[in-house]
PDB file of N, CA and C in Angstrom:
ATOM      1  N   UNK A   1      -3.277   3.633 -16.430  1.00  0.00           N
ATOM      2  CA  UNK A   1      -2.493   3.089 -15.357  1.00  0.00           C
ATOM      3  C   UNK A   1      -2.764   3.883 -14.078  1.00  0.00           C
ATOM      4  N   UNK A   2      -3.012   3.183 -13.007  1.00  0.00           N
ATOM      5  CA  UNK A   2      -3.221   3.827 -11.716  1.00  0.00           C
ATOM      6  C   UNK A   2      -1.922   3.822 -10.932  1.00  0.00           C
ATOM      7  N   UNK A   3      -1.748   4.843 -10.110  1.00  0.00           N
ATOM      8  CA  UNK A   3      -0.598   4.918  -9.217  1.00  0.00           C
ATOM      9  C   UNK A   3      -1.114   5.135  -7.805  1.00  0.00           C
ATOM     10  N   UNK A   4      -0.532   4.409  -6.866  1.00  0.00           N
ATOM     11  CA  UNK A   4      -0.924   4.540  -5.469  1.00  0.00           C
ATOM     12  C   UNK A   4       0.298   4.747  -4.592  1.00  0.00           C
ATOM     13  N   UNK A   5       0.150   5.599  -3.605  1.00  0.00           N
ATOM     14  CA  UNK A   5       1.204   5.804  -2.625  1.00  0.00           C
ATOM     15  C   UNK A   5       1.254   4.608  -1.699  1.00  0.00           C
ATOM     16  N   UNK A   6       2.436   4.050  -1.529  1.00  0.00           N
ATOM     17  CA  UNK A   6       2.646   2.906  -0.644  1.00  0.00           C
ATOM     18  C   UNK A   6       3.588   3.340   0.470  1.00  0.00           C
ATOM     19  N   UNK A   7       3.196   3.079   1.707  1.00  0.00           N
ATOM     20  CA  UNK A   7       4.032   3.378   2.864  1.00  0.00           C
ATOM     21  C   UNK A   7       4.713   2.082   3.283  1.00  0.00           C
ATOM     22  N   UNK A   8       6.046   2.090   3.304  1.00  0.00           N
ATOM     23  CA  UNK A   8       6.809   0.916   3.734  1.00  0.00           C
ATOM     24  C   UNK A   8       7.542   1.291   5.013  1.00  0.00           C
ATOM     25  N   UNK A   9       7.319   0.473   6.035  1.00  0.00           N
ATOM     26  CA  UNK A   9       7.948   0.717   7.326  1.00  0.00           C
ATOM     27  C   UNK A   9       8.796  -0.473   7.742  1.00  0.00           C
ATOM     28  N   UNK A  10       9.958  -0.185   8.293  1.00  0.00           N
ATOM     29  CA  UNK A  10      10.797  -1.239   8.862  1.00  0.00           C
ATOM     30  C   UNK A  10      10.251  -1.532  10.251  1.00  0.00           C
ATOM     31  N   UNK A  11      10.041  -2.809  10.536  1.00  0.00           N
ATOM     32  CA  UNK A  11       9.548  -3.226  11.843  1.00  0.00           C
ATOM     33  C   UNK A  11      10.629  -4.033  12.551  1.00  0.00           C
ATOM     34  N   UNK A  12      10.334  -4.455  13.753  1.00  0.00           N
ATOM     35  CA  UNK A  12      11.324  -5.225  14.515  1.00  0.00           C
ATOM     36  C   UNK A  12      11.602  -6.591  13.895  1.00  0.00           C
ATOM     37  N   UNK A  13      10.677  -7.082  13.080  1.00  0.00           N
ATOM     38  CA  UNK A  13      10.886  -8.405  12.475  1.00  0.00           C
ATOM     39  C   UNK A  13      10.708  -8.426  10.964  1.00  0.00           C
ATOM     40  N   UNK A  14      10.905  -7.286  10.305  1.00  0.00           N
ATOM     41  CA  UNK A  14      10.805  -7.262   8.845  1.00  0.00           C
ATOM     42  C   UNK A  14      10.296  -5.925   8.333  1.00  0.00           C
ATOM     43  N   UNK A  15       9.374  -5.996   7.379  1.00  0.00           N
ATOM     44  CA  UNK A  15       8.814  -4.801   6.752  1.00  0.00           C
ATOM     45  C   UNK A  15       7.297  -4.912   6.666  1.00  0.00           C
ATOM     46  N   UNK A  16       6.655  -3.761   6.749  1.00  0.00           N
ATOM     47  CA  UNK A  16       5.200  -3.675   6.618  1.00  0.00           C
ATOM     48  C   UNK A  16       4.902  -2.616   5.557  1.00  0.00           C
ATOM     49  N   UNK A  17       3.951  -2.892   4.679  1.00  0.00           N
ATOM     50  CA  UNK A  17       3.557  -1.934   3.643  1.00  0.00           C
ATOM     51  C   UNK A  17       2.049  -1.733   3.695  1.00  0.00           C
ATOM     52  N   UNK A  18       1.620  -0.500   3.452  1.00  0.00           N
ATOM     53  CA  UNK A  18       0.193  -0.197   3.416  1.00  0.00           C
ATOM     54  C   UNK A  18      -0.074   0.873   2.367  1.00  0.00           C
ATOM     55  N   UNK A  19      -1.340   0.967   1.982  1.00  0.00           N
ATOM     56  CA  UNK A  19      -1.768   1.924   0.965  1.00  0.00           C
ATOM     57  C   UNK A  19      -2.844   2.804   1.600  1.00  0.00           C
ATOM     58  N   UNK A  20      -2.524   4.056   1.946  1.00  0.00           N
ATOM     59  CA  UNK A  20      -3.469   4.903   2.672  1.00  0.00           C
ATOM     60  C   UNK A  20      -4.844   5.041   2.022  1.00  0.00           C
ATOM     61  N   UNK A  21      -4.905   5.112   0.704  1.00  0.00           N
ATOM     62  CA  UNK A  21      -6.180   5.326   0.019  1.00  0.00           C
ATOM     63  C   UNK A  21      -6.987   4.027  -0.128  1.00  0.00           C
ATOM     64  N   UNK A  22      -6.379   2.879   0.217  1.00  0.00           N
ATOM     65  CA  UNK A  22      -7.066   1.586   0.160  1.00  0.00           C
ATOM     66  C   UNK A  22      -7.044   0.959   1.558  1.00  0.00           C
ATOM     67  N   UNK A  23      -7.915   1.396   2.452  1.00  0.00           N
ATOM     68  CA  UNK A  23      -7.913   0.875   3.822  1.00  0.00           C
ATOM     69  C   UNK A  23      -7.978  -0.656   3.847  1.00  0.00           C
ATOM     70  N   UNK A  24      -7.114  -1.241   4.669  1.00  0.00           N
ATOM     71  CA  UNK A  24      -7.078  -2.695   4.783  1.00  0.00           C
ATOM     72  C   UNK A  24      -6.126  -3.362   3.816  1.00  0.00           C
ATOM     73  N   UNK A  25      -5.586  -2.613   2.885  1.00  0.00           N
ATOM     74  CA  UNK A  25      -4.651  -3.173   1.911  1.00  0.00           C
ATOM     75  C   UNK A  25      -3.251  -3.057   2.497  1.00  0.00           C
ATOM     76  N   UNK A  26      -2.711  -4.204   2.928  1.00  0.00           N
ATOM     77  CA  UNK A  26      -1.412  -4.197   3.593  1.00  0.00           C
ATOM     78  C   UNK A  26      -0.687  -5.505   3.326  1.00  0.00           C
ATOM     79  N   UNK A  27       0.612  -5.490   3.618  1.00  0.00           N
ATOM     80  CA  UNK A  27       1.431  -6.692   3.455  1.00  0.00           C
ATOM     81  C   UNK A  27       2.578  -6.635   4.452  1.00  0.00           C
ATOM     82  N   UNK A  28       3.059  -7.806   4.848  1.00  0.00           N
ATOM     83  CA  UNK A  28       4.220  -7.912   5.730  1.00  0.00           C
ATOM     84  C   UNK A  28       5.163  -8.959   5.166  1.00  0.00           C
ATOM     85  N   UNK A  29       6.480  -8.722   5.332  1.00  0.00           N
ATOM     86  CA  UNK A  29       7.470  -9.674   4.832  1.00  0.00           C
ATOM     87  C   UNK A  29       8.791  -9.478   5.577  1.00  0.00           C
ATOM     88  N   UNK A  30       9.691 -10.414   5.367  1.00  0.00           N
ATOM     89  CA  UNK A  30      11.008 -10.357   6.006  1.00  0.00           C
ATOM     90  C   UNK A  30      11.926  -9.331   5.364  1.00  0.00           C
ATOM     91  N   UNK A  31      11.793  -9.135   4.043  1.00  0.00           N
ATOM     92  CA  UNK A  31      12.675  -8.207   3.342  1.00  0.00           C
ATOM     93  C   UNK A  31      11.862  -7.134   2.619  1.00  0.00           C
ATOM     94  N   UNK A  32      12.535  -6.027   2.293  1.00  0.00           N
ATOM     95  CA  UNK A  32      11.872  -4.946   1.572  1.00  0.00           C
ATOM     96  C   UNK A  32      11.433  -5.411   0.192  1.00  0.00           C
ATOM     97  N   UNK A  33      12.286  -6.168  -0.475  1.00  0.00           N
ATOM     98  CA  UNK A  33      11.940  -6.664  -1.812  1.00  0.00           C
ATOM     99  C   UNK A  33      10.680  -7.536  -1.759  1.00  0.00           C
ATOM    100  N   UNK A  34      10.601  -8.396  -0.753  1.00  0.00           N
ATOM    101  CA  UNK A  34       9.421  -9.260  -0.612  1.00  0.00           C
ATOM    102  C   UNK A  34       8.168  -8.446  -0.349  1.00  0.00           C
ATOM    103  N   UNK A  35       8.269  -7.446   0.538  1.00  0.00           N
ATOM    104  CA  UNK A  35       7.077  -6.661   0.868  1.00  0.00           C
ATOM    105  C   UNK A  35       6.635  -5.827  -0.322  1.00  0.00           C
ATOM    106  N   UNK A  36       7.580  -5.377  -1.149  1.00  0.00           N
ATOM    107  CA  UNK A  36       7.201  -4.641  -2.358  1.00  0.00           C
ATOM    108  C   UNK A  36       6.396  -5.528  -3.301  1.00  0.00           C
ATOM    109  N   UNK A  37       6.823  -6.772  -3.482  1.00  0.00           N
ATOM    110  CA  UNK A  37       6.097  -7.698  -4.352  1.00  0.00           C
ATOM    111  C   UNK A  37       4.724  -8.029  -3.767  1.00  0.00           C
ATOM    112  N   UNK A  38       4.693  -8.270  -2.460  1.00  0.00           N
ATOM    113  CA  UNK A  38       3.426  -8.629  -1.820  1.00  0.00           C
ATOM    114  C   UNK A  38       2.417  -7.484  -1.833  1.00  0.00           C
ATOM    115  N   UNK A  39       2.873  -6.243  -1.628  1.00  0.00           N
ATOM    116  CA  UNK A  39       1.918  -5.130  -1.641  1.00  0.00           C
ATOM    117  C   UNK A  39       1.406  -4.885  -3.047  1.00  0.00           C
ATOM    118  N   UNK A  40       2.243  -5.107  -4.052  1.00  0.00           N
ATOM    119  CA  UNK A  40       1.788  -5.004  -5.443  1.00  0.00           C
ATOM    120  C   UNK A  40       0.654  -5.991  -5.689  1.00  0.00           C
ATOM    121  N   UNK A  41       0.851  -7.231  -5.262  1.00  0.00           N
ATOM    122  CA  UNK A  41      -0.175  -8.258  -5.424  1.00  0.00           C
ATOM    123  C   UNK A  41      -1.413  -7.928  -4.594  1.00  0.00           C
ATOM    124  N   UNK A  42      -1.211  -7.386  -3.398  1.00  0.00           N
ATOM    125  CA  UNK A  42      -2.341  -7.022  -2.532  1.00  0.00           C
ATOM    126  C   UNK A  42      -3.178  -5.912  -3.163  1.00  0.00           C
ATOM    127  N   UNK A  43      -2.521  -4.940  -3.787  1.00  0.00           N
ATOM    128  CA  UNK A  43      -3.251  -3.856  -4.450  1.00  0.00           C
ATOM    129  C   UNK A  43      -4.099  -4.416  -5.587  1.00  0.00           C
ATOM    130  N   UNK A  44      -3.516  -5.268  -6.415  1.00  0.00           N
ATOM    131  CA  UNK A  44      -4.275  -5.871  -7.513  1.00  0.00           C
ATOM    132  C   UNK A  44      -5.478  -6.635  -6.987  1.00  0.00           C
ATOM    133  N   UNK A  45      -5.274  -7.429  -5.945  1.00  0.00           N
ATOM    134  CA  UNK A  45      -6.351  -8.225  -5.352  1.00  0.00           C
ATOM    135  C   UNK A  45      -7.430  -7.316  -4.758  1.00  0.00           C
ATOM    136  N   UNK A  46      -7.005  -6.263  -4.073  1.00  0.00           N
ATOM    137  CA  UNK A  46      -7.937  -5.322  -3.449  1.00  0.00           C
ATOM    138  C   UNK A  46      -8.805  -4.637  -4.509  1.00  0.00           C
ATOM    139  N   UNK A  47      -8.158  -4.162  -5.577  1.00  0.00           N
ATOM    140  CA  UNK A  47      -8.900  -3.483  -6.649  1.00  0.00           C
ATOM    141  C   UNK A  47      -9.841  -4.445  -7.365  1.00  0.00           C
ATOM    142  N   UNK A  48      -9.400  -5.677  -7.569  1.00  0.00           N
ATOM    143  CA  UNK A  48     -10.253  -6.676  -8.210  1.00  0.00           C
ATOM    144  C   UNK A  48     -11.513  -6.922  -7.373  1.00  0.00           C
ATOM    145  N   UNK A  49     -11.327  -7.029  -6.061  1.00  0.00           N
ATOM    146  CA  UNK A  49     -12.474  -7.219  -5.168  1.00  0.00           C
ATOM    147  C   UNK A  49     -13.424  -6.038  -5.208  1.00  0.00           C
ATOM    148  N   UNK A  50     -12.883  -4.827  -5.242  1.00  0.00           N
ATOM    149  CA  UNK A  50     -13.731  -3.638  -5.311  1.00  0.00           C
ATOM    150  C   UNK A  50     -14.525  -3.618  -6.607  1.00  0.00           C
ATOM    151  N   UNK A  51     -13.872  -3.982  -7.712  1.00  0.00           N
ATOM    152  CA  UNK A  51     -14.571  -4.020  -9.000  1.00  0.00           C
ATOM    153  C   UNK A  51     -15.689  -5.050  -8.981  1.00  0.00           C
ATOM    154  N   UNK A  52     -15.428  -6.226  -8.418  1.00  0.00           N
ATOM    155  CA  UNK A  52     -16.446  -7.280  -8.347  1.00  0.00           C
ATOM    156  C   UNK A  52     -17.636  -6.857  -7.491  1.00  0.00           C
ATOM    157  N   UNK A  53     -17.365  -6.057  -6.461  1.00  0.00           N
ATOM    158  CA  UNK A  53     -18.435  -5.581  -5.583  1.00  0.00           C
ATOM    159  C   UNK A  53     -19.144  -4.351  -6.148  1.00  0.00           C
ATOM    160  N   UNK A  54     -18.641  -3.839  -7.262  1.00  0.00           N
ATOM    161  CA  UNK A  54     -19.244  -2.655  -7.864  1.00  0.00           C
ATOM    162  C   UNK A  54     -18.914  -1.368  -7.120  1.00  0.00           C
ATOM    163  N   UNK A  55     -17.834  -1.391  -6.344  1.00  0.00           N
ATOM    164  CA  UNK A  55     -17.435  -0.207  -5.593  1.00  0.00           C
ATOM    165  C   UNK A  55     -16.573   0.700  -6.458  1.00  0.00           C
ATOM    166  N   UNK A  56     -16.631   1.996  -6.225  1.00  0.00           N
ATOM    167  CA  UNK A  56     -15.798   2.913  -7.007  1.00  0.00           C
ATOM    168  C   UNK A  56     -14.321   2.719  -6.666  1.00  0.00           C
ATOM    169  N   UNK A  57     -13.482   2.775  -7.665  1.00  0.00           N
ATOM    170  CA  UNK A  57     -12.044   2.629  -7.477  1.00  0.00           C
ATOM    171  C   UNK A  57     -11.471   4.008  -7.154  1.00  0.00           C
ATOM    172  N   UNK A  58     -10.865   4.156  -5.979  1.00  0.00           N
ATOM    173  CA  UNK A  58     -10.352   5.474  -5.600  1.00  0.00           C
ATOM    174  C   UNK A  58      -9.105   5.863  -6.383  1.00  0.00           C
ATOM    175  N   UNK A  59      -8.974   7.141  -6.603  1.00  0.00           N
ATOM    176  CA  UNK A  59      -7.766   7.701  -7.204  1.00  0.00           C
ATOM    177  C   UNK A  59      -6.885   8.185  -6.057  1.00  0.00           C
ATOM    178  N   UNK A  60      -5.603   8.138  -6.251  1.00  0.00           N
ATOM    179  CA  UNK A  60      -4.673   8.578  -5.212  1.00  0.00           C
ATOM    180  C   UNK A  60      -4.141   9.956  -5.552  1.00  0.00           C
ATOM    181  N   UNK A  61      -5.058  10.929  -5.604  1.00  0.00           N
ATOM    182  CA  UNK A  61      -4.641  12.282  -5.958  1.00  0.00           C
ATOM    183  C   UNK A  61      -4.664  13.225  -4.764  1.00  0.00           C
ATOM    184  N   UNK A  62      -4.996  12.697  -3.586  1.00  0.00           N
ATOM    185  CA  UNK A  62      -5.048  13.544  -2.403  1.00  0.00           C
ATOM    186  C   UNK A  62      -3.968  13.200  -1.391  1.00  0.00           C
ATOM    187  N   UNK A  63      -3.206  12.150  -1.633  1.00  0.00           N
ATOM    188  CA  UNK A  63      -2.175  11.750  -0.688  1.00  0.00           C
ATOM    189  C   UNK A  63      -0.937  12.599  -0.870  1.00  0.00           C
ATOM    190  N   UNK A  64      -0.469  13.166   0.220  1.00  0.00           N
ATOM    191  CA  UNK A  64       0.776  13.927   0.209  1.00  0.00           C
ATOM    192  C   UNK A  64       1.769  13.179   1.086  1.00  0.00           C
ATOM    193  N   UNK A  65       2.994  13.097   0.644  1.00  0.00           N
ATOM    194  CA  UNK A  65       4.024  12.409   1.409  1.00  0.00           C
ATOM    195  C   UNK A  65       5.103  13.405   1.778  1.00  0.00           C
ATOM    196  N   UNK A  66       5.411  13.444   3.061  1.00  0.00           N
ATOM    197  CA  UNK A  66       6.472  14.302   3.550  1.00  0.00           C
ATOM    198  C   UNK A  66       7.293  13.531   4.575  1.00  0.00           C
ATOM    199  N   UNK A  67       8.553  13.843   4.646  1.00  0.00           N
ATOM    200  CA  UNK A  67       9.407  13.306   5.688  1.00  0.00           C
ATOM    201  C   UNK A  67       9.819  14.454   6.573  1.00  0.00           C
ATOM    202  N   UNK A  68       9.494  14.327   7.853  1.00  0.00           N
ATOM    203  CA  UNK A  68       9.855  15.357   8.805  1.00  0.00           C
ATOM    204  C   UNK A  68      11.028  14.835   9.631  1.00  0.00           C
ATOM    205  N   UNK A  69      12.014  15.678   9.822  1.00  0.00           N
ATOM    206  CA  UNK A  69      13.195  15.284  10.583  1.00  0.00           C
ATOM    207  C   UNK A  69      13.196  16.066  11.894  1.00  0.00           C
ATOM    208  N   UNK A  70      13.307  15.333  12.981  1.00  0.00           N
ATOM    209  CA  UNK A  70      13.351  15.964  14.297  1.00  0.00           C
ATOM    210  C   UNK A  70      14.734  15.730  14.894  1.00  0.00           C
ATOM    211  N   UNK A  71      15.357  16.804  15.330  1.00  0.00           N
ATOM    212  CA  UNK A  71      16.703  16.684  15.895  1.00  0.00           C
ATOM    213  C   UNK A  71      16.652  16.719  17.404  1.00  0.00           C
TER     214      UNK A  71
END
């Protein structure tokens, strides 16, 4: 099983999700639940395309996630 870091951002008109280790793999939706489902499907589609093209499937072992708070 592969695991990928997904960044979900609230936008002015919904939510946007992206996967840093898979450039171009993104999704947008009105709700967080919708964007979670869409990014899951986008990741599967992205990986399937990479496999068909014979490209190496990246591992997400270098992504670090931090939340910085500025007062």
